[in-house]
Amino acid sequence: MAASLACSFFFDAEPLAEPGMPAQDACALCSKQLARDSDVFMYRGDTPFCSEDCRHHQMRLDARQAAKSAARRQKHFSSPTAPQRGHRESREVPVAS
């Protein structure tokens, strides 16, 4: 009987938050408080959302941000002033005789 008391105590205990980790008691998008008896929708491992709509909205925002970043990288690497990766500029150097 002592073992069952220990198990129930273990699962009823509130987990301790790690230092520097944000509390997961509110939706990461709309900041709505998350009820203990309701579903929590997770994204990227540890980011909680109150609904599938909030989670999907965040996923769309992240996809747009990633597309913008990729476009900026592509523009940077394909600009005519920047040498392309793996290619060296060749210059003629006069040789003294």
Protein backbone atom coordinates (compact mmCIF):
# COMPACT_ATOMS: atom_id res chain seq x y z
CA MET A 1 0.00 0.00 0.00
CA ALA A 2 2.90 2.35 0.66
CA ALA A 3 4.05 1.97 -2.93
CA SER A 4 0.65 3.03 -4.32
CA LEU A 5 0.68 6.10 -2.07
CA ALA A 6 4.13 7.01 -3.35
CA CYS A 7 3.03 6.59 -6.98
CA SER A 8 -0.08 8.72 -6.57
CA PHE A 9 1.96 11.36 -4.77
CA PHE A 10 4.52 11.34 -7.59
CA PHE A 11 1.94 11.88 -10.34
CA ASP A 12 -0.06 14.49 -8.42
CA ALA A 13 2.99 16.62 -7.72
CA GLU A 14 3.38 19.77 -9.82
CA PRO A 15 6.62 19.55 -11.84
CA LEU A 16 9.25 22.06 -10.92
CA ALA A 17 10.11 24.54 -13.63
CA GLU A 18 13.70 24.63 -14.74
CA PRO A 19 15.47 27.97 -14.31
CA GLY A 20 15.26 30.06 -17.45
CA MET A 21 12.39 28.05 -18.92
CA PRO A 22 9.11 29.89 -19.58
CA ALA A 23 6.02 28.66 -17.78
CA GLN A 24 3.70 26.63 -19.96
CA ASP A 25 0.47 27.83 -18.43
CA ALA A 26 -0.61 30.12 -21.29
CA CYS A 27 -0.98 29.89 -25.05
CA ALA A 28 2.20 31.06 -26.78
CA LEU A 29 0.19 32.96 -29.41
CA CYS A 30 -2.87 34.49 -27.74
CA SER A 31 -1.74 34.21 -24.08
CA LYS A 32 -5.02 32.53 -23.08
CA GLN A 33 -4.62 30.62 -19.82
CA LEU A 34 -4.42 26.85 -20.32
CA ALA A 35 -6.76 24.85 -18.11
CA ARG A 36 -5.37 21.71 -16.51
CA ASP A 37 -8.34 19.64 -17.72
CA SER A 38 -8.28 20.80 -21.36
CA ASP A 39 -6.22 19.73 -24.36
CA VAL A 40 -2.92 21.48 -24.97
CA PHE A 41 -1.59 21.57 -28.52
CA MET A 42 2.21 21.50 -28.69
CA TYR A 43 4.51 22.76 -31.44
CA ARG A 44 8.29 22.54 -31.72
CA GLY A 45 8.56 20.37 -28.66
CA ASP A 46 7.79 22.72 -25.81
CA THR A 47 5.58 25.53 -27.13
CA PRO A 48 1.96 25.21 -25.88
CA PHE A 49 -1.14 26.46 -27.69
CA CYS A 50 -4.75 26.57 -26.52
CA SER A 51 -6.21 25.33 -29.83
CA GLU A 52 -5.33 23.83 -33.18
CA ASP A 53 -6.12 27.21 -34.75
CA CYS A 54 -3.50 29.03 -32.65
CA ARG A 55 -0.94 26.30 -33.35
CA HIS A 56 -1.60 26.38 -37.12
CA HIS A 57 -1.47 30.18 -37.14
CA GLN A 58 1.98 30.04 -35.49
CA MET A 59 3.08 27.40 -37.99
CA ARG A 60 2.03 29.67 -40.88
CA LEU A 61 3.89 32.62 -39.31
CA ASP A 62 7.02 30.47 -38.95
CA ALA A 63 6.73 29.27 -42.56
CA ARG A 64 6.47 32.87 -43.82
CA GLN A 65 9.46 33.89 -41.73
CA ALA A 66 11.49 30.94 -43.04
CA ALA A 67 10.55 31.82 -46.63
CA LYS A 68 11.64 35.44 -46.10
CA SER A 69 14.94 34.30 -44.59
CA ALA A 70 15.56 31.90 -47.47
CA ALA A 71 14.81 34.65 -50.00
CA ARG A 72 17.24 37.00 -48.23
CA ARG A 73 19.95 34.31 -48.22
CA GLN A 74 19.33 33.54 -51.89
CA LYS A 75 19.50 37.22 -52.79
CA HIS A 76 22.71 37.67 -50.80
CA PHE A 77 24.49 34.69 -52.36
CA SER A 78 23.32 35.42 -55.91
CA SER A 79 24.19 39.12 -55.93
CA PRO A 80 26.71 40.02 -58.66
CA THR A 81 29.01 41.85 -56.24
CA ALA A 82 29.51 38.89 -53.92
CA PRO A 83 31.79 36.09 -55.17
CA GLN A 84 30.00 32.76 -55.33
CA ARG A 85 30.91 30.07 -52.85
CA GLY A 86 33.60 27.73 -54.04
CA HIS A 87 34.71 30.05 -56.84
CA ARG A 88 37.78 32.20 -56.62
CA GLU A 89 38.17 35.41 -58.49
CA SER A 90 41.08 35.36 -60.90
CA ARG A 91 43.11 38.45 -61.52
CA GLU A 92 45.99 39.05 -63.86
CA VAL A 93 49.11 40.00 -62.01
CA PRO A 94 51.98 41.62 -63.90
CA VAL A 95 55.18 39.63 -63.66
CA ALA A 96 58.45 41.52 -63.45
CA SER A 97 61.09 40.32 -65.92
